[in-house]
Amino acid sequence: MEEWKSILQRLKTLEECRKSGDLVLKKMNKIHGKVLAKDKMNSKVAKTLLDVYTETNVTASLEKRLLPTLIDDLEKLERSMEKKRKGDEKSGSVPKKQRPSDDEPIVTVGAQVVVKPGNDFILANVIRYRPDKEKWEVEDVDEDDGFNAKKKYLSTMKQIIVLPKPNDPNIREFPEGHTVLALYPGTTCFYKGIVMMKASANPMKEYLVRFEDDGDQDRPVKVQHCLDYPKQKKG
């Protein structure tokens, strides 16, 4: 891909600029240290400093010119890849096993979803599609306890529930008494509950949900985090 070759070339040039800049900076700091230690400067040192400052300015100017162009190229590449992805979806290039039915939202990279890797339904982000596994790779939004890392899982289309957008005009509203899968406040886990007040009847425009095994507490849940309780699916 021509765009990618251009980006690689600019990245290499930028890397060389950075390396050159680091060397010049070390040289500059060394001269500064000597001048400050002796508390004096002669014409030779002044000339050396001037050369170093000039070289630093040239390197910085080149980086300044490169970065906007590199950003522009990356944005063009992203648009091109997105256009290709949409074309693949329309043409059926996405494997049949991973294509949703007409009434299911399409899984896309970056989408927030609900998955059930173990006993609990969790909030996750879609990372990528793995054609070798015919599955989607998702990442838990919560960091693993004791580690600065997030767990990743592989899920089939049937194991993924795509969350609706908060401003989606077609988002479904559930009536009082409806069984839902809702995000428990203050956590990243979804649990079974009953709608006690629908969002449109609440001045805060949020559902009031009574979760299982949570006593008689009615807890607020955002519209996009309240889903129809899923039927048993085979993955």
Protein backbone atom coordinates (compact mmCIF):
# COMPACT_ATOMS: atom_id res chain seq x y z
CA MET A 1 0.00 0.00 0.00
CA GLU A 2 1.51 3.30 -1.15
CA GLU A 3 0.22 5.30 1.84
CA TRP A 4 1.84 2.86 4.24
CA LYS A 5 5.23 3.08 2.48
CA SER A 6 5.09 6.87 2.76
CA ILE A 7 4.24 6.66 6.47
CA LEU A 8 7.10 4.23 7.13
CA GLN A 9 9.57 6.51 5.38
CA ARG A 10 8.47 9.52 7.42
CA LEU A 11 8.61 7.48 10.63
CA LYS A 12 12.20 6.48 9.84
CA THR A 13 13.12 10.11 9.16
CA LEU A 14 11.43 11.20 12.40
CA GLU A 15 13.31 8.52 14.33
CA GLU A 16 16.62 9.73 12.90
CA CYS A 17 15.72 13.29 13.90
CA ARG A 18 14.99 12.15 17.44
CA LYS A 19 18.28 10.25 17.69
CA SER A 20 20.19 13.24 16.32
CA GLY A 21 18.35 15.55 18.70
CA ASP A 22 19.23 13.37 21.70
CA LEU A 23 22.93 13.43 20.79
CA VAL A 24 22.91 17.21 20.34
CA LEU A 25 21.09 17.66 23.65
CA LYS A 26 23.68 15.57 25.49
CA LYS A 27 26.45 17.62 23.88
CA MET A 28 24.70 20.86 24.83
CA ASN A 29 24.25 19.77 28.46
CA LYS A 30 27.90 18.77 28.67
CA ILE A 31 29.03 22.22 27.46
CA HIS A 32 26.58 23.95 29.82
CA GLY A 33 28.02 21.94 32.71
CA LYS A 34 31.59 22.98 31.92
CA VAL A 35 30.64 26.65 31.50
CA LEU A 36 28.73 26.72 34.78
CA ALA A 37 31.53 24.93 36.62
CA LYS A 38 34.20 27.40 35.45
CA ASP A 39 31.83 30.38 35.53
CA LYS A 40 33.40 31.80 32.38
CA MET A 41 33.25 31.48 28.59
CA ASN A 42 35.73 32.08 25.78
CA SER A 43 35.17 32.61 22.05
CA LYS A 44 35.81 28.94 21.23
CA VAL A 45 33.14 27.72 23.66
CA ALA A 46 30.73 30.40 22.44
CA LYS A 47 31.24 29.26 18.83
CA THR A 48 30.67 25.62 19.82
CA LEU A 49 27.48 26.53 21.66
CA LEU A 50 26.23 28.53 18.69
CA ASP A 51 26.81 25.55 16.38
CA VAL A 52 24.99 23.24 18.79
CA TYR A 53 22.03 25.62 19.12
CA THR A 54 21.83 25.95 15.34
CA GLU A 55 21.86 22.17 14.89
CA THR A 56 19.15 21.82 17.55
CA ASN A 57 17.00 24.40 15.79
CA VAL A 58 17.39 22.65 12.42
CA THR A 59 16.41 19.28 13.91
CA ALA A 60 13.41 20.77 15.73
CA SER A 61 12.25 22.54 12.57
CA LEU A 62 12.41 19.29 10.59
CA GLU A 63 10.38 17.48 13.25
CA LYS A 64 7.86 20.32 13.25
CA ARG A 65 7.40 19.93 9.48
CA LEU A 66 7.26 16.14 9.60
CA LEU A 67 4.67 15.67 12.35
CA PRO A 68 1.66 17.40 10.68
CA THR A 69 2.34 15.53 7.43
CA LEU A 70 2.66 12.23 9.29
CA ILE A 71 -0.60 12.84 11.17
CA ASP A 72 -2.35 13.71 7.90
CA ASP A 73 -1.06 10.51 6.25
CA LEU A 74 -2.22 8.39 9.20
CA GLU A 75 -5.69 9.94 9.08
CA LYS A 76 -5.91 9.23 5.33
CA LEU A 77 -4.82 5.63 5.90
CA GLU A 78 -7.41 5.21 8.66
CA ARG A 79 -10.17 6.53 6.38
CA SER A 80 -9.02 4.23 3.58
CA MET A 81 -9.00 1.17 5.86
CA GLU A 82 -12.43 2.05 7.26
CA LYS A 83 -13.80 2.39 3.72
CA LYS A 84 -12.33 -1.00 2.81
CA ARG A 85 -13.77 -2.59 5.97
CA LYS A 86 -17.26 -1.32 5.16
CA GLY A 87 -16.86 -2.58 1.60
CA ASP A 88 -15.85 -6.01 2.90
CA GLU A 89 -18.90 -6.12 5.14
CA LYS A 90 -21.21 -5.25 2.24
CA SER A 91 -19.59 -7.78 -0.06
CA GLY A 92 -19.67 -10.51 2.58
CA SER A 93 -15.91 -10.75 3.15
CA VAL A 94 -16.52 -11.01 6.88
CA PRO A 95 -16.96 -14.76 7.54
CA LYS A 96 -20.58 -15.89 7.52
CA LYS A 97 -20.27 -17.24 11.05
CA GLN A 98 -19.39 -13.74 12.25
CA ARG A 99 -21.99 -11.77 10.31
CA PRO A 100 -25.03 -10.72 12.38
CA SER A 101 -28.62 -11.20 11.34
CA ASP A 102 -30.59 -8.16 10.16
CA ASP A 103 -31.87 -7.38 13.67
CA GLU A 104 -28.45 -7.60 15.36
CA PRO A 105 -25.98 -4.69 15.57
CA ILE A 106 -22.67 -5.14 13.76
CA VAL A 107 -19.60 -5.75 15.91
CA THR A 108 -16.91 -3.17 15.11
CA VAL A 109 -13.44 -2.48 16.47
CA GLY A 110 -13.64 -0.01 19.36
CA ALA A 111 -17.26 -0.82 20.22
CA GLN A 112 -18.27 -1.30 23.84
CA VAL A 113 -19.82 -4.71 24.38
CA VAL A 114 -20.95 -7.15 27.03
CA VAL A 115 -19.38 -10.62 27.15
CA LYS A 116 -19.47 -13.54 29.57
CA PRO A 117 -15.99 -15.11 29.76
CA GLY A 118 -16.76 -16.80 33.09
CA ASN A 119 -19.63 -16.61 35.55
CA ASP A 120 -20.26 -12.88 35.14
CA PHE A 121 -21.23 -10.62 32.27
CA ILE A 122 -18.58 -7.91 31.96
CA LEU A 123 -18.09 -4.63 30.11
CA ALA A 124 -15.43 -4.87 27.40
CA ASN A 125 -14.01 -3.12 24.34
CA VAL A 126 -13.61 -4.82 20.96
CA ILE A 127 -9.91 -4.92 19.99
CA ARG A 128 -9.87 -6.75 16.65
CA TYR A 129 -11.23 -9.63 14.61
CA ARG A 130 -9.11 -12.80 14.58
CA PRO A 131 -9.69 -14.53 11.20
CA ASP A 132 -7.44 -17.43 12.26
CA LYS A 133 -9.81 -18.16 15.16
CA GLU A 134 -13.00 -16.83 13.54
CA LYS A 135 -13.56 -14.88 16.75
CA TRP A 136 -13.44 -11.32 18.05
CA GLU A 137 -10.78 -10.30 20.56
CA VAL A 138 -12.19 -8.16 23.38
CA GLU A 139 -10.53 -6.47 26.34
CA ASP A 140 -11.98 -6.14 29.84
CA VAL A 141 -12.37 -2.43 30.66
CA ASP A 142 -11.30 -3.18 34.23
CA GLU A 143 -7.65 -3.75 35.10
CA ASP A 144 -6.67 -7.14 36.48
CA ASP A 145 -6.24 -7.00 40.27
CA GLY A 146 -2.59 -6.62 41.19
CA PHE A 147 -1.45 -6.04 37.61
CA ASN A 148 -1.37 -2.99 35.36
CA ALA A 149 -2.94 -4.97 32.54
CA LYS A 150 -6.37 -5.76 31.18
CA LYS A 151 -7.55 -9.27 30.44
CA LYS A 152 -8.34 -10.20 26.85
CA TYR A 153 -10.81 -12.82 25.64
CA LEU A 154 -11.86 -14.40 22.35
CA SER A 155 -15.60 -14.40 21.67
CA THR A 156 -17.85 -15.45 18.83
CA MET A 157 -20.51 -13.13 17.47
CA LYS A 158 -23.20 -15.00 19.42
CA GLN A 159 -21.32 -14.45 22.69
CA ILE A 160 -21.20 -10.67 22.23
CA ILE A 161 -23.89 -8.13 23.11
CA VAL A 162 -23.21 -4.75 21.51
CA LEU A 163 -24.15 -1.81 23.72
CA PRO A 164 -26.38 0.84 22.11
CA LYS A 165 -25.14 4.41 21.71
CA PRO A 166 -26.41 6.79 24.43
CA ASN A 167 -27.95 9.12 21.81
CA ASP A 168 -29.44 6.38 19.61
CA PRO A 169 -33.00 7.55 18.76
CA ASN A 170 -34.07 3.94 18.15
CA ILE A 171 -32.92 2.66 21.52
CA ARG A 172 -35.51 0.36 23.05
CA GLU A 173 -37.24 1.29 26.32
CA PHE A 174 -38.23 -1.48 28.71
CA PRO A 175 -41.45 -1.26 30.76
CA GLU A 176 -41.76 -1.73 34.51
CA GLY A 177 -41.52 -5.39 35.47
CA HIS A 178 -39.30 -6.30 32.50
CA THR A 179 -36.32 -8.60 33.16
CA VAL A 180 -33.07 -6.95 32.11
CA LEU A 181 -29.32 -7.37 32.17
CA ALA A 182 -28.01 -4.14 33.69
CA LEU A 183 -24.71 -2.62 34.75
CA TYR A 184 -24.50 -2.59 38.54
CA PRO A 185 -23.58 0.94 39.71
CA GLY A 186 -19.90 1.43 40.53
CA THR A 187 -18.81 -1.79 38.82
CA THR A 188 -18.05 -3.11 35.33
CA CYS A 189 -20.29 -6.16 35.71
CA PHE A 190 -23.84 -6.72 34.45
CA TYR A 191 -26.42 -8.60 36.49
CA LYS A 192 -30.01 -9.74 36.16
CA GLY A 193 -32.65 -7.37 37.46
CA ILE A 194 -36.21 -6.08 37.16
CA VAL A 195 -37.16 -2.61 35.86
CA MET A 196 -38.93 -0.75 38.67
CA MET A 197 -39.17 2.58 36.81
CA LYS A 198 -38.62 3.16 33.11
CA ALA A 199 -36.23 5.88 32.03
CA SER A 200 -38.85 8.15 30.46
CA ALA A 201 -40.73 8.30 33.77
CA ASN A 202 -37.61 9.30 35.71
CA PRO A 203 -36.57 13.00 35.75
CA MET A 204 -32.93 11.78 35.62
CA LYS A 205 -33.74 9.81 32.43
CA GLU A 206 -32.30 6.64 33.93
CA TYR A 207 -33.86 3.30 34.77
CA LEU A 208 -34.42 2.24 38.34
CA VAL A 209 -33.51 -1.44 38.52
CA ARG A 210 -33.88 -3.92 41.37
CA PHE A 211 -31.08 -6.46 41.04
CA GLU A 212 -31.29 -10.06 42.12
CA ASP A 213 -29.91 -10.78 45.59
CA ASP A 214 -29.67 -7.05 46.33
CA GLY A 215 -32.55 -6.67 48.76
CA ASP A 216 -35.20 -4.04 48.05
CA GLN A 217 -32.78 -1.44 46.69
CA ASP A 218 -33.76 0.24 43.42
CA ARG A 219 -30.58 1.40 41.71
CA PRO A 220 -30.12 3.89 38.83
CA VAL A 221 -28.85 2.53 35.52
CA LYS A 222 -28.09 4.51 32.37
CA VAL A 223 -30.24 3.73 29.35
CA GLN A 224 -27.34 2.35 27.28
CA HIS A 225 -26.37 0.02 30.15
CA CYS A 226 -29.78 -1.63 30.46
CA LEU A 227 -30.31 -4.56 28.07
CA ASP A 228 -32.94 -7.17 27.39
CA TYR A 229 -31.97 -10.24 29.40
CA PRO A 230 -30.37 -12.61 26.87
CA LYS A 231 -31.76 -15.99 26.03
CA GLN A 232 -29.41 -18.93 26.36
CA LYS A 233 -27.05 -18.86 23.37
CA LYS A 234 -24.71 -21.48 22.09
CA GLY A 235 -21.34 -20.03 21.20
